[in-house]
PDB file of N, CA and C in Angstrom:
ATOM      1  N   MET A   1      14.329  10.487  51.490  1.00  0.00           N
ATOM      2  CA  MET A   1      13.817  10.291  50.150  1.00  0.00           C
ATOM      3  C   MET A   1      12.603   9.374  50.224  1.00  0.00           C
ATOM      4  N   ALA A   2      11.545   9.749  49.552  1.00  0.00           N
ATOM      5  CA  ALA A   2      10.316   8.955  49.565  1.00  0.00           C
ATOM      6  C   ALA A   2      10.479   7.719  48.681  1.00  0.00           C
ATOM      7  N   LYS A   3       9.910   6.629  49.139  1.00  0.00           N
ATOM      8  CA  LYS A   3       9.959   5.385  48.379  1.00  0.00           C
ATOM      9  C   LYS A   3       8.972   5.472  47.209  1.00  0.00           C
ATOM     10  N   ILE A   4       9.439   5.055  46.003  1.00  0.00           N
ATOM     11  CA  ILE A   4       8.540   5.076  44.853  1.00  0.00           C
ATOM     12  C   ILE A   4       8.023   3.657  44.592  1.00  0.00           C
ATOM     13  N   THR A   5       6.863   3.591  44.003  1.00  0.00           N
ATOM     14  CA  THR A   5       6.275   2.281  43.718  1.00  0.00           C
ATOM     15  C   THR A   5       6.876   1.713  42.444  1.00  0.00           C
ATOM     16  N   LYS A   6       6.655   0.439  42.271  1.00  0.00           N
ATOM     17  CA  LYS A   6       7.128  -0.241  41.065  1.00  0.00           C
ATOM     18  C   LYS A   6       6.520   0.417  39.825  1.00  0.00           C
ATOM     19  N   GLU A   7       5.244   0.754  39.893  1.00  0.00           N
ATOM     20  CA  GLU A   7       4.565   1.373  38.759  1.00  0.00           C
ATOM     21  C   GLU A   7       5.181   2.725  38.417  1.00  0.00           C
ATOM     22  N   GLU A   8       5.493   3.513  39.456  1.00  0.00           N
ATOM     23  CA  GLU A   8       6.119   4.816  39.233  1.00  0.00           C
ATOM     24  C   GLU A   8       7.495   4.649  38.591  1.00  0.00           C
ATOM     25  N   PHE A   9       8.241   3.651  39.037  1.00  0.00           N
ATOM     26  CA  PHE A   9       9.563   3.382  38.485  1.00  0.00           C
ATOM     27  C   PHE A   9       9.457   3.000  37.011  1.00  0.00           C
ATOM     28  N   ILE A  10       8.523   2.125  36.696  1.00  0.00           N
ATOM     29  CA  ILE A  10       8.341   1.690  35.305  1.00  0.00           C
ATOM     30  C   ILE A  10       7.922   2.859  34.419  1.00  0.00           C
ATOM     31  N   GLU A  11       7.015   3.690  34.932  1.00  0.00           N
ATOM     32  CA  GLU A  11       6.582   4.864  34.157  1.00  0.00           C
ATOM     33  C   GLU A  11       7.763   5.794  33.883  1.00  0.00           C
ATOM     34  N   SER A  12       8.643   5.960  34.869  1.00  0.00           N
ATOM     35  CA  SER A  12       9.800   6.831  34.651  1.00  0.00           C
ATOM     36  C   SER A  12      10.769   6.206  33.651  1.00  0.00           C
ATOM     37  N   LEU A  13      10.874   4.881  33.645  1.00  0.00           N
ATOM     38  CA  LEU A  13      11.726   4.204  32.663  1.00  0.00           C
ATOM     39  C   LEU A  13      11.210   4.438  31.242  1.00  0.00           C
ATOM     40  N   LYS A  14       9.903   4.442  31.089  1.00  0.00           N
ATOM     41  CA  LYS A  14       9.307   4.643  29.763  1.00  0.00           C
ATOM     42  C   LYS A  14       9.662   5.995  29.177  1.00  0.00           C
ATOM     43  N   GLU A  15       9.940   6.964  30.039  1.00  0.00           N
ATOM     44  CA  GLU A  15      10.257   8.316  29.584  1.00  0.00           C
ATOM     45  C   GLU A  15      11.739   8.493  29.295  1.00  0.00           C
ATOM     46  N   MET A  16      12.567   7.498  29.642  1.00  0.00           N
ATOM     47  CA  MET A  16      14.007   7.609  29.450  1.00  0.00           C
ATOM     48  C   MET A  16      14.420   7.201  28.035  1.00  0.00           C
ATOM     49  N   THR A  17      15.560   7.768  27.614  1.00  0.00           N
ATOM     50  CA  THR A  17      16.159   7.351  26.347  1.00  0.00           C
ATOM     51  C   THR A  17      16.964   6.076  26.612  1.00  0.00           C
ATOM     52  N   ILE A  18      17.375   5.423  25.547  1.00  0.00           N
ATOM     53  CA  ILE A  18      18.193   4.215  25.682  1.00  0.00           C
ATOM     54  C   ILE A  18      19.482   4.516  26.430  1.00  0.00           C
ATOM     55  N   LEU A  19      20.093   5.643  26.123  1.00  0.00           N
ATOM     56  CA  LEU A  19      21.336   6.038  26.785  1.00  0.00           C
ATOM     57  C   LEU A  19      21.120   6.221  28.285  1.00  0.00           C
ATOM     58  N   GLU A  20      20.003   6.849  28.656  1.00  0.00           N
ATOM     59  CA  GLU A  20      19.700   7.048  30.077  1.00  0.00           C
ATOM     60  C   GLU A  20      19.469   5.711  30.785  1.00  0.00           C
ATOM     61  N   VAL A  21      18.820   4.773  30.120  1.00  0.00           N
ATOM     62  CA  VAL A  21      18.595   3.448  30.718  1.00  0.00           C
ATOM     63  C   VAL A  21      19.928   2.740  30.904  1.00  0.00           C
ATOM     64  N   LYS A  22      20.818   2.837  29.895  1.00  0.00           N
ATOM     65  CA  LYS A  22      22.136   2.213  30.016  1.00  0.00           C
ATOM     66  C   LYS A  22      22.907   2.800  31.188  1.00  0.00           C
ATOM     67  N   GLU A  23      22.840   4.124  31.340  1.00  0.00           N
ATOM     68  CA  GLU A  23      23.517   4.776  32.463  1.00  0.00           C
ATOM     69  C   GLU A  23      22.926   4.317  33.799  1.00  0.00           C
ATOM     70  N   LEU A  24      21.610   4.124  33.844  1.00  0.00           N
ATOM     71  CA  LEU A  24      20.957   3.622  35.052  1.00  0.00           C
ATOM     72  C   LEU A  24      21.449   2.218  35.389  1.00  0.00           C
ATOM     73  N   VAL A  25      21.530   1.364  34.381  1.00  0.00           N
ATOM     74  CA  VAL A  25      22.018  -0.010  34.596  1.00  0.00           C
ATOM     75  C   VAL A  25      23.446   0.021  35.101  1.00  0.00           C
ATOM     76  N   ASP A  26      24.284   0.860  34.484  1.00  0.00           N
ATOM     77  CA  ASP A  26      25.678   0.972  34.929  1.00  0.00           C
ATOM     78  C   ASP A  26      25.759   1.456  36.377  1.00  0.00           C
ATOM     79  N   ALA A  27      24.909   2.411  36.727  1.00  0.00           N
ATOM     80  CA  ALA A  27      24.902   2.925  38.100  1.00  0.00           C
ATOM     81  C   ALA A  27      24.453   1.838  39.079  1.00  0.00           C
ATOM     82  N   MET A  28      23.486   1.011  38.686  1.00  0.00           N
ATOM     83  CA  MET A  28      23.029  -0.083  39.555  1.00  0.00           C
ATOM     84  C   MET A  28      24.142  -1.105  39.756  1.00  0.00           C
ATOM     85  N   LYS A  29      24.909  -1.375  38.690  1.00  0.00           N
ATOM     86  CA  LYS A  29      26.050  -2.290  38.813  1.00  0.00           C
ATOM     87  C   LYS A  29      27.041  -1.749  39.834  1.00  0.00           C
ATOM     88  N   GLU A  30      27.341  -0.460  39.721  1.00  0.00           N
ATOM     89  CA  GLU A  30      28.320   0.163  40.609  1.00  0.00           C
ATOM     90  C   GLU A  30      27.820   0.230  42.050  1.00  0.00           C
ATOM     91  N   GLU A  31      26.561   0.635  42.235  1.00  0.00           N
ATOM     92  CA  GLU A  31      26.001   0.818  43.573  1.00  0.00           C
ATOM     93  C   GLU A  31      25.788  -0.497  44.309  1.00  0.00           C
ATOM     94  N   PHE A  32      25.221  -1.480  43.609  1.00  0.00           N
ATOM     95  CA  PHE A  32      24.824  -2.729  44.277  1.00  0.00           C
ATOM     96  C   PHE A  32      25.713  -3.917  43.946  1.00  0.00           C
ATOM     97  N   GLY A  33      26.594  -3.759  42.966  1.00  0.00           N
ATOM     98  CA  GLY A  33      27.469  -4.861  42.587  1.00  0.00           C
ATOM     99  C   GLY A  33      26.730  -5.991  41.876  1.00  0.00           C
ATOM    100  N   VAL A  34      25.600  -5.665  41.296  1.00  0.00           N
ATOM    101  CA  VAL A  34      24.782  -6.658  40.611  1.00  0.00           C
ATOM    102  C   VAL A  34      24.481  -6.157  39.209  1.00  0.00           C
ATOM    103  N   ASP A  35      24.570  -7.066  38.239  1.00  0.00           N
ATOM    104  CA  ASP A  35      24.236  -6.715  36.864  1.00  0.00           C
ATOM    105  C   ASP A  35      22.762  -7.032  36.624  1.00  0.00           C
ATOM    106  N   PRO A  36      21.899  -6.024  36.516  1.00  0.00           N
ATOM    107  CA  PRO A  36      20.473  -6.285  36.331  1.00  0.00           C
ATOM    108  C   PRO A  36      20.169  -7.071  35.065  1.00  0.00           C
ATOM    109  N   SER A  37      20.996  -6.928  34.035  1.00  0.00           N
ATOM    110  CA  SER A  37      20.753  -7.671  32.801  1.00  0.00           C
ATOM    111  C   SER A  37      21.001  -9.162  33.018  1.00  0.00           C
ATOM    112  N   ALA A  38      21.890  -9.526  33.935  1.00  0.00           N
ATOM    113  CA  ALA A  38      22.122 -10.942  34.239  1.00  0.00           C
ATOM    114  C   ALA A  38      20.900 -11.562  34.890  1.00  0.00           C
ATOM    115  N   VAL A  39      20.192 -10.785  35.695  1.00  0.00           N
ATOM    116  CA  VAL A  39      18.965 -11.265  36.319  1.00  0.00           C
ATOM    117  C   VAL A  39      17.911 -11.518  35.253  1.00  0.00           C
ATOM    118  N   ALA A  40      17.818 -10.632  34.268  1.00  0.00           N
ATOM    119  CA  ALA A  40      16.845 -10.796  33.188  1.00  0.00           C
ATOM    120  C   ALA A  40      17.167 -12.026  32.363  1.00  0.00           C
ATOM    121  N   VAL A  41      18.442 -12.274  32.099  1.00  0.00           N
ATOM    122  CA  VAL A  41      18.845 -13.452  31.332  1.00  0.00           C
ATOM    123  C   VAL A  41      18.567 -14.715  32.134  1.00  0.00           C
ATOM    124  N   ALA A  42      18.794 -14.695  33.418  1.00  0.00           N
ATOM    125  CA  ALA A  42      18.531 -15.863  34.252  1.00  0.00           C
ATOM    126  C   ALA A  42      17.039 -16.157  34.331  1.00  0.00           C
ATOM    127  N   ALA A  43      16.206 -15.145  34.249  1.00  0.00           N
ATOM    128  CA  ALA A  43      14.762 -15.347  34.317  1.00  0.00           C
ATOM    129  C   ALA A  43      14.195 -15.856  33.001  1.00  0.00           C
ATOM    130  N   ALA A  44      14.872 -15.641  31.892  1.00  0.00           N
ATOM    131  CA  ALA A  44      14.356 -16.044  30.585  1.00  0.00           C
ATOM    132  C   ALA A  44      14.107 -17.542  30.464  1.00  0.00           C
ATOM    133  N   PRO A  45      15.005 -18.442  30.901  1.00  0.00           N
ATOM    134  CA  PRO A  45      14.700 -19.867  30.797  1.00  0.00           C
ATOM    135  C   PRO A  45      13.454 -20.257  31.588  1.00  0.00           C
ATOM    136  N   ALA A  46      13.223 -19.642  32.708  1.00  0.00           N
ATOM    137  CA  ALA A  46      12.029 -19.961  33.486  1.00  0.00           C
ATOM    138  C   ALA A  46      10.773 -19.590  32.710  1.00  0.00           C
ATOM    139  N   ALA A  47      10.813 -18.488  31.998  1.00  0.00           N
ATOM    140  CA  ALA A  47       9.670 -18.101  31.172  1.00  0.00           C
ATOM    141  C   ALA A  47       9.495 -19.077  30.031  1.00  0.00           C
ATOM    142  N   GLY A  48      10.584 -19.565  29.465  1.00  0.00           N
ATOM    143  CA  GLY A  48      10.504 -20.552  28.384  1.00  0.00           C
ATOM    144  C   GLY A  48       9.926 -21.864  28.847  1.00  0.00           C
ATOM    145  N   ALA A  49      10.197 -22.252  30.078  1.00  0.00           N
ATOM    146  CA  ALA A  49       9.669 -23.503  30.604  1.00  0.00           C
ATOM    147  C   ALA A  49       8.153 -23.453  30.706  1.00  0.00           C
ATOM    148  N   ALA A  50       7.615 -22.306  31.051  1.00  0.00           N
ATOM    149  CA  ALA A  50       6.164 -22.178  31.135  1.00  0.00           C
ATOM    150  C   ALA A  50       5.538 -22.281  29.759  1.00  0.00           C
ATOM    151  N   THR A  51       6.241 -21.813  28.728  1.00  0.00           N
ATOM    152  CA  THR A  51       5.714 -21.863  27.375  1.00  0.00           C
ATOM    153  C   THR A  51       5.604 -23.301  26.885  1.00  0.00           C
ATOM    154  N   GLU A  52       6.547 -24.155  27.282  1.00  0.00           N
ATOM    155  CA  GLU A  52       6.518 -25.539  26.845  1.00  0.00           C
ATOM    156  C   GLU A  52       5.244 -26.244  27.269  1.00  0.00           C
ATOM    157  N   GLU A  53       4.685 -25.849  28.387  1.00  0.00           N
ATOM    158  CA  GLU A  53       3.487 -26.478  28.898  1.00  0.00           C
ATOM    159  C   GLU A  53       2.232 -25.734  28.454  1.00  0.00           C
ATOM    160  N   SER A  54       2.379 -24.895  27.432  1.00  0.00           N
ATOM    161  CA  SER A  54       1.246 -24.101  26.996  1.00  0.00           C
ATOM    162  C   SER A  54       0.181 -24.969  26.351  1.00  0.00           C
ATOM    163  N   SER A  55      -0.959 -24.378  26.134  1.00  0.00           N
ATOM    164  CA  SER A  55      -2.081 -25.115  25.583  1.00  0.00           C
ATOM    165  C   SER A  55      -2.149 -24.988  24.069  1.00  0.00           C
ATOM    166  N   THR A  56      -1.072 -24.515  23.443  1.00  0.00           N
ATOM    167  CA  THR A  56      -1.047 -24.434  21.989  1.00  0.00           C
ATOM    168  C   THR A  56       0.005 -25.378  21.423  1.00  0.00           C
ATOM    169  N   LYS A  57      -0.256 -25.838  20.229  1.00  0.00           N
ATOM    170  CA  LYS A  57       0.654 -26.762  19.546  1.00  0.00           C
ATOM    171  C   LYS A  57       0.820 -26.329  18.099  1.00  0.00           C
ATOM    172  N   THR A  58       1.865 -26.856  17.470  1.00  0.00           N
ATOM    173  CA  THR A  58       2.083 -26.681  16.042  1.00  0.00           C
ATOM    174  C   THR A  58       2.015 -28.055  15.401  1.00  0.00           C
ATOM    175  N   VAL A  59       1.228 -28.163  14.325  1.00  0.00           N
ATOM    176  CA  VAL A  59       1.084 -29.421  13.595  1.00  0.00           C
ATOM    177  C   VAL A  59       2.138 -29.431  12.503  1.00  0.00           C
ATOM    178  N   VAL A  60       3.020 -30.448  12.529  1.00  0.00           N
ATOM    179  CA  VAL A  60       4.110 -30.545  11.572  1.00  0.00           C
ATOM    180  C   VAL A  60       3.928 -31.808  10.736  1.00  0.00           C
ATOM    181  N   LEU A  61       3.898 -31.631   9.414  1.00  0.00           N
ATOM    182  CA  LEU A  61       3.805 -32.761   8.491  1.00  0.00           C
ATOM    183  C   LEU A  61       5.207 -33.295   8.258  1.00  0.00           C
ATOM    184  N   LYS A  62       5.429 -34.547   8.605  1.00  0.00           N
ATOM    185  CA  LYS A  62       6.737 -35.174   8.416  1.00  0.00           C
ATOM    186  C   LYS A  62       6.836 -35.853   7.053  1.00  0.00           C
ATOM    187  N   ASN A  63       5.739 -36.535   6.665  1.00  0.00           N
ATOM    188  CA  ASN A  63       5.739 -37.299   5.429  1.00  0.00           C
ATOM    189  C   ASN A  63       4.295 -37.443   4.967  1.00  0.00           C
ATOM    190  N   ALA A  64       4.042 -37.223   3.669  1.00  0.00           N
ATOM    191  CA  ALA A  64       2.682 -37.310   3.148  1.00  0.00           C
ATOM    192  C   ALA A  64       2.208 -38.754   3.009  1.00  0.00           C
ATOM    193  N   GLY A  65       3.124 -39.701   2.976  1.00  0.00           N
ATOM    194  CA  GLY A  65       2.731 -41.105   2.885  1.00  0.00           C
ATOM    195  C   GLY A  65       2.349 -41.518   1.476  1.00  0.00           C
ATOM    196  N   GLY A  66       1.737 -42.687   1.358  1.00  0.00           N
ATOM    197  CA  GLY A  66       1.406 -43.254   0.053  1.00  0.00           C
ATOM    198  C   GLY A  66       0.208 -42.607  -0.614  1.00  0.00           C
ATOM    199  N   SER A  67      -0.699 -42.051   0.141  1.00  0.00           N
ATOM    200  CA  SER A  67      -1.907 -41.425  -0.423  1.00  0.00           C
ATOM    201  C   SER A  67      -1.732 -39.912  -0.488  1.00  0.00           C
ATOM    202  N   LYS A  68      -0.711 -39.484  -1.212  1.00  0.00           N
ATOM    203  CA  LYS A  68      -0.352 -38.061  -1.243  1.00  0.00           C
ATOM    204  C   LYS A  68      -1.504 -37.184  -1.749  1.00  0.00           C
ATOM    205  N   ILE A  69      -2.269 -37.679  -2.717  1.00  0.00           N
ATOM    206  CA  ILE A  69      -3.365 -36.878  -3.262  1.00  0.00           C
ATOM    207  C   ILE A  69      -4.396 -36.571  -2.178  1.00  0.00           C
ATOM    208  N   ASN A  70      -4.738 -37.567  -1.380  1.00  0.00           N
ATOM    209  CA  ASN A  70      -5.696 -37.336  -0.281  1.00  0.00           C
ATOM    210  C   ASN A  70      -5.133 -36.360   0.742  1.00  0.00           C
ATOM    211  N   VAL A  71      -3.852 -36.462   1.016  1.00  0.00           N
ATOM    212  CA  VAL A  71      -3.210 -35.555   1.971  1.00  0.00           C
ATOM    213  C   VAL A  71      -3.216 -34.135   1.421  1.00  0.00           C
ATOM    214  N   ILE A  72      -2.923 -33.972   0.123  1.00  0.00           N
ATOM    215  CA  ILE A  72      -2.929 -32.638  -0.491  1.00  0.00           C
ATOM    216  C   ILE A  72      -4.322 -32.022  -0.393  1.00  0.00           C
ATOM    217  N   LYS A  73      -5.351 -32.796  -0.700  1.00  0.00           N
ATOM    218  CA  LYS A  73      -6.720 -32.292  -0.599  1.00  0.00           C
ATOM    219  C   LYS A  73      -7.034 -31.853   0.827  1.00  0.00           C
ATOM    220  N   LEU A  74      -6.621 -32.662   1.778  1.00  0.00           N
ATOM    221  CA  LEU A  74      -6.872 -32.337   3.186  1.00  0.00           C
ATOM    222  C   LEU A  74      -6.093 -31.093   3.607  1.00  0.00           C
ATOM    223  N   LEU A  75      -4.853 -30.970   3.150  1.00  0.00           N
ATOM    224  CA  LEU A  75      -4.055 -29.789   3.469  1.00  0.00           C
ATOM    225  C   LEU A  75      -4.706 -28.522   2.916  1.00  0.00           C
ATOM    226  N   LYS A  76      -5.237 -28.604   1.699  1.00  0.00           N
ATOM    227  CA  LYS A  76      -5.947 -27.456   1.123  1.00  0.00           C
ATOM    228  C   LYS A  76      -7.119 -27.064   2.003  1.00  0.00           C
ATOM    229  N   GLU A  77      -7.867 -28.060   2.446  1.00  0.00           N
ATOM    230  CA  GLU A  77      -9.044 -27.812   3.276  1.00  0.00           C
ATOM    231  C   GLU A  77      -8.673 -27.214   4.635  1.00  0.00           C
ATOM    232  N   ILE A  78      -7.652 -27.778   5.248  1.00  0.00           N
ATOM    233  CA  ILE A  78      -7.251 -27.355   6.599  1.00  0.00           C
ATOM    234  C   ILE A  78      -6.624 -25.967   6.598  1.00  0.00           C
ATOM    235  N   THR A  79      -5.738 -25.719   5.625  1.00  0.00           N
ATOM    236  CA  THR A  79      -4.943 -24.493   5.649  1.00  0.00           C
ATOM    237  C   THR A  79      -5.485 -23.374   4.781  1.00  0.00           C
ATOM    238  N   GLY A  80      -6.306 -23.722   3.794  1.00  0.00           N
ATOM    239  CA  GLY A  80      -6.779 -22.718   2.857  1.00  0.00           C
ATOM    240  C   GLY A  80      -5.752 -22.401   1.779  1.00  0.00           C
ATOM    241  N   LEU A  81      -4.691 -23.216   1.699  1.00  0.00           N
ATOM    242  CA  LEU A  81      -3.668 -23.018   0.675  1.00  0.00           C
ATOM    243  C   LEU A  81      -4.211 -23.387  -0.693  1.00  0.00           C
ATOM    244  N   GLY A  82      -3.557 -22.886  -1.731  1.00  0.00           N
ATOM    245  CA  GLY A  82      -3.875 -23.291  -3.094  1.00  0.00           C
ATOM    246  C   GLY A  82      -3.282 -24.659  -3.366  1.00  0.00           C
ATOM    247  N   LEU A  83      -3.617 -25.204  -4.533  1.00  0.00           N
ATOM    248  CA  LEU A  83      -3.164 -26.549  -4.900  1.00  0.00           C
ATOM    249  C   LEU A  83      -1.637 -26.642  -4.937  1.00  0.00           C
ATOM    250  N   VAL A  84      -0.996 -25.671  -5.549  1.00  0.00           N
ATOM    251  CA  VAL A  84       0.463 -25.697  -5.680  1.00  0.00           C
ATOM    252  C   VAL A  84       1.131 -25.641  -4.306  1.00  0.00           C
ATOM    253  N   GLU A  85       0.645 -24.755  -3.434  1.00  0.00           N
ATOM    254  CA  GLU A  85       1.239 -24.620  -2.096  1.00  0.00           C
ATOM    255  C   GLU A  85       0.995 -25.860  -1.254  1.00  0.00           C
ATOM    256  N   ALA A  86      -0.215 -26.429  -1.341  1.00  0.00           N
ATOM    257  CA  ALA A  86      -0.523 -27.640  -0.584  1.00  0.00           C
ATOM    258  C   ALA A  86       0.328 -28.808  -1.057  1.00  0.00           C
ATOM    259  N   LYS A  87       0.553 -28.900  -2.387  1.00  0.00           N
ATOM    260  CA  LYS A  87       1.407 -29.963  -2.929  1.00  0.00           C
ATOM    261  C   LYS A  87       2.844 -29.791  -2.447  1.00  0.00           C
ATOM    262  N   ALA A  88       3.322 -28.540  -2.437  1.00  0.00           N
ATOM    263  CA  ALA A  88       4.684 -28.274  -1.955  1.00  0.00           C
ATOM    264  C   ALA A  88       4.821 -28.666  -0.491  1.00  0.00           C
ATOM    265  N   LEU A  89       3.804 -28.384   0.308  1.00  0.00           N
ATOM    266  CA  LEU A  89       3.824 -28.770   1.721  1.00  0.00           C
ATOM    267  C   LEU A  89       3.838 -30.290   1.854  1.00  0.00           C
ATOM    268  N   ALA A  90       3.042 -30.967   1.035  1.00  0.00           N
ATOM    269  CA  ALA A  90       3.013 -32.433   1.074  1.00  0.00           C
ATOM    270  C   ALA A  90       4.355 -33.013   0.624  1.00  0.00           C
ATOM    271  N   ASP A  91       4.970 -32.410  -0.373  1.00  0.00           N
ATOM    272  CA  ASP A  91       6.254 -32.904  -0.890  1.00  0.00           C
ATOM    273  C   ASP A  91       7.397 -32.674   0.085  1.00  0.00           C
ATOM    274  N   ASN A  92       7.417 -31.499   0.683  1.00  0.00           N
ATOM    275  CA  ASN A  92       8.567 -31.095   1.509  1.00  0.00           C
ATOM    276  C   ASN A  92       8.345 -31.227   3.006  1.00  0.00           C
ATOM    277  N   GLY A  93       7.093 -31.354   3.426  1.00  0.00           N
ATOM    278  CA  GLY A  93       6.806 -31.366   4.856  1.00  0.00           C
ATOM    279  C   GLY A  93       6.897 -29.964   5.421  1.00  0.00           C
ATOM    280  N   GLY A  94       6.590 -29.848   6.691  1.00  0.00           N
ATOM    281  CA  GLY A  94       6.681 -28.548   7.349  1.00  0.00           C
ATOM    282  C   GLY A  94       5.470 -28.276   8.219  1.00  0.00           C
ATOM    283  N   ASN A  95       5.380 -27.051   8.706  1.00  0.00           N
ATOM    284  CA  ASN A  95       4.295 -26.665   9.602  1.00  0.00           C
ATOM    285  C   ASN A  95       2.989 -26.537   8.838  1.00  0.00           C
ATOM    286  N   VAL A  96       1.988 -27.275   9.295  1.00  0.00           N
ATOM    287  CA  VAL A  96       0.658 -27.192   8.707  1.00  0.00           C
ATOM    288  C   VAL A  96      -0.084 -26.021   9.332  1.00  0.00           C
ATOM    289  N   LYS A  97      -0.142 -25.987  10.660  1.00  0.00           N
ATOM    290  CA  LYS A  97      -0.750 -24.884  11.407  1.00  0.00           C
ATOM    291  C   LYS A  97       0.090 -24.668  12.653  1.00  0.00           C
ATOM    292  N   GLU A  98       0.262 -23.406  13.015  1.00  0.00           N
ATOM    293  CA  GLU A  98       1.105 -23.061  14.163  1.00  0.00           C
ATOM    294  C   GLU A  98       0.286 -22.437  15.282  1.00  0.00           C
ATOM    295  N   ASN A  99       0.706 -22.715  16.511  1.00  0.00           N
ATOM    296  CA  ASN A  99       0.132 -22.094  17.715  1.00  0.00           C
ATOM    297  C   ASN A  99      -1.392 -22.156  17.742  1.00  0.00           C
ATOM    298  N   ILE A 100      -1.893 -23.368  17.611  1.00  0.00           N
ATOM    299  CA  ILE A 100      -3.336 -23.578  17.670  1.00  0.00           C
ATOM    300  C   ILE A 100      -3.658 -24.356  18.942  1.00  0.00           C
ATOM    301  N   PRO A 101      -4.896 -24.299  19.404  1.00  0.00           N
ATOM    302  CA  PRO A 101      -5.261 -25.037  20.614  1.00  0.00           C
ATOM    303  C   PRO A 101      -4.956 -26.531  20.458  1.00  0.00           C
ATOM    304  N   THR A 102      -4.566 -27.159  21.558  1.00  0.00           N
ATOM    305  CA  THR A 102      -4.178 -28.566  21.548  1.00  0.00           C
ATOM    306  C   THR A 102      -5.276 -29.459  20.991  1.00  0.00           C
ATOM    307  N   ASP A 103      -6.524 -29.188  21.335  1.00  0.00           N
ATOM    308  CA  ASP A 103      -7.630 -30.012  20.830  1.00  0.00           C
ATOM    309  C   ASP A 103      -7.710 -29.951  19.308  1.00  0.00           C
ATOM    310  N   GLU A 104      -7.604 -28.752  18.764  1.00  0.00           N
ATOM    311  CA  GLU A 104      -7.647 -28.587  17.309  1.00  0.00           C
ATOM    312  C   GLU A 104      -6.452 -29.273  16.656  1.00  0.00           C
ATOM    313  N   ALA A 105      -5.271 -29.146  17.277  1.00  0.00           N
ATOM    314  CA  ALA A 105      -4.066 -29.779  16.747  1.00  0.00           C
ATOM    315  C   ALA A 105      -4.224 -31.298  16.712  1.00  0.00           C
ATOM    316  N   ASN A 106      -4.779 -31.867  17.776  1.00  0.00           N
ATOM    317  CA  ASN A 106      -4.994 -33.320  17.808  1.00  0.00           C
ATOM    318  C   ASN A 106      -5.986 -33.762  16.736  1.00  0.00           C
ATOM    319  N   GLN A 107      -7.007 -32.960  16.520  1.00  0.00           N
ATOM    320  CA  GLN A 107      -8.012 -33.277  15.494  1.00  0.00           C
ATOM    321  C   GLN A 107      -7.364 -33.262  14.099  1.00  0.00           C
ATOM    322  N   ILE A 108      -6.566 -32.248  13.810  1.00  0.00           N
ATOM    323  CA  ILE A 108      -5.883 -32.159  12.515  1.00  0.00           C
ATOM    324  C   ILE A 108      -4.910 -33.316  12.349  1.00  0.00           C
ATOM    325  N   LYS A 109      -4.184 -33.642  13.403  1.00  0.00           N
ATOM    326  CA  LYS A 109      -3.244 -34.761  13.355  1.00  0.00           C
ATOM    327  C   LYS A 109      -3.977 -36.049  13.014  1.00  0.00           C
ATOM    328  N   THR A 110      -5.104 -36.291  13.664  1.00  0.00           N
ATOM    329  CA  THR A 110      -5.889 -37.496  13.412  1.00  0.00           C
ATOM    330  C   THR A 110      -6.358 -37.540  11.961  1.00  0.00           C
ATOM    331  N   GLN A 111      -6.867 -36.419  11.449  1.00  0.00           N
ATOM    332  CA  GLN A 111      -7.337 -36.366  10.061  1.00  0.00           C
ATOM    333  C   GLN A 111      -6.216 -36.694   9.081  1.00  0.00           C
ATOM    334  N   LEU A 112      -5.053 -36.084   9.298  1.00  0.00           N
ATOM    335  CA  LEU A 112      -3.924 -36.309   8.392  1.00  0.00           C
ATOM    336  C   LEU A 112      -3.401 -37.744   8.485  1.00  0.00           C
ATOM    337  N   GLU A 113      -3.369 -38.289   9.688  1.00  0.00           N
ATOM    338  CA  GLU A 113      -2.910 -39.671   9.848  1.00  0.00           C
ATOM    339  C   GLU A 113      -3.876 -40.648   9.186  1.00  0.00           C
ATOM    340  N   GLU A 114      -5.178 -40.362   9.275  1.00  0.00           N
ATOM    341  CA  GLU A 114      -6.165 -41.210   8.613  1.00  0.00           C
ATOM    342  C   GLU A 114      -6.004 -41.159   7.094  1.00  0.00           C
ATOM    343  N   ALA A 115      -5.498 -40.037   6.588  1.00  0.00           N
ATOM    344  CA  ALA A 115      -5.262 -39.897   5.153  1.00  0.00           C
ATOM    345  C   ALA A 115      -3.925 -40.534   4.740  1.00  0.00           C
ATOM    346  N   GLY A 116      -3.154 -41.000   5.721  1.00  0.00           N
ATOM    347  CA  GLY A 116      -1.898 -41.694   5.428  1.00  0.00           C
ATOM    348  C   GLY A 116      -0.633 -40.913   5.697  1.00  0.00           C
ATOM    349  N   ALA A 117      -0.748 -39.717   6.270  1.00  0.00           N
ATOM    350  CA  ALA A 117       0.426 -38.873   6.521  1.00  0.00           C
ATOM    351  C   ALA A 117       1.065 -39.190   7.864  1.00  0.00           C
ATOM    352  N   GLU A 118       2.326 -38.834   7.959  1.00  0.00           N
ATOM    353  CA  GLU A 118       3.042 -38.921   9.244  1.00  0.00           C
ATOM    354  C   GLU A 118       3.111 -37.505   9.811  1.00  0.00           C
ATOM    355  N   VAL A 119       2.563 -37.321  11.014  1.00  0.00           N
ATOM    356  CA  VAL A 119       2.393 -36.001  11.596  1.00  0.00           C
ATOM    357  C   VAL A 119       2.952 -35.975  13.009  1.00  0.00           C
ATOM    358  N   GLU A 120       3.466 -34.793  13.391  1.00  0.00           N
ATOM    359  CA  GLU A 120       4.012 -34.612  14.739  1.00  0.00           C
ATOM    360  C   GLU A 120       3.452 -33.310  15.312  1.00  0.00           C
ATOM    361  N   LEU A 121       3.202 -33.301  16.607  1.00  0.00           N
ATOM    362  CA  LEU A 121       2.790 -32.079  17.300  1.00  0.00           C
ATOM    363  C   LEU A 121       3.962 -31.567  18.124  1.00  0.00           C
ATOM    364  N   VAL A 122       4.260 -30.295  17.975  1.00  0.00           N
ATOM    365  CA  VAL A 122       5.343 -29.681  18.768  1.00  0.00           C
ATOM    366  C   VAL A 122       4.824 -28.470  19.482  1.00  0.00           C
TER     367      VAL A 122
END
């Protein structure tokens, strides 16, 4: 039997139905005594660890502070939200911007802190 490449194997998987893939997984368990889905689950935390060190951050408003009006104005400017939505964000806290470059996140954090807000980057 000729050896197939990884690309050929993946292309053939794309043509299979879900039932056929399940049967393939079951056959691999029987033939090799290994559960391929367990390998995928074990690899998932490693992929998550790389994400933690990513170059994107989320700016989270914890508390608007004493100068809430200035914070609301800044939130409108930063997010493009309307007055009501920006006020709700200032009142309740939450994500200001998600998955933005770290430099931009730090700049927004600095602006909000200067306006009196308590901000966290995650």
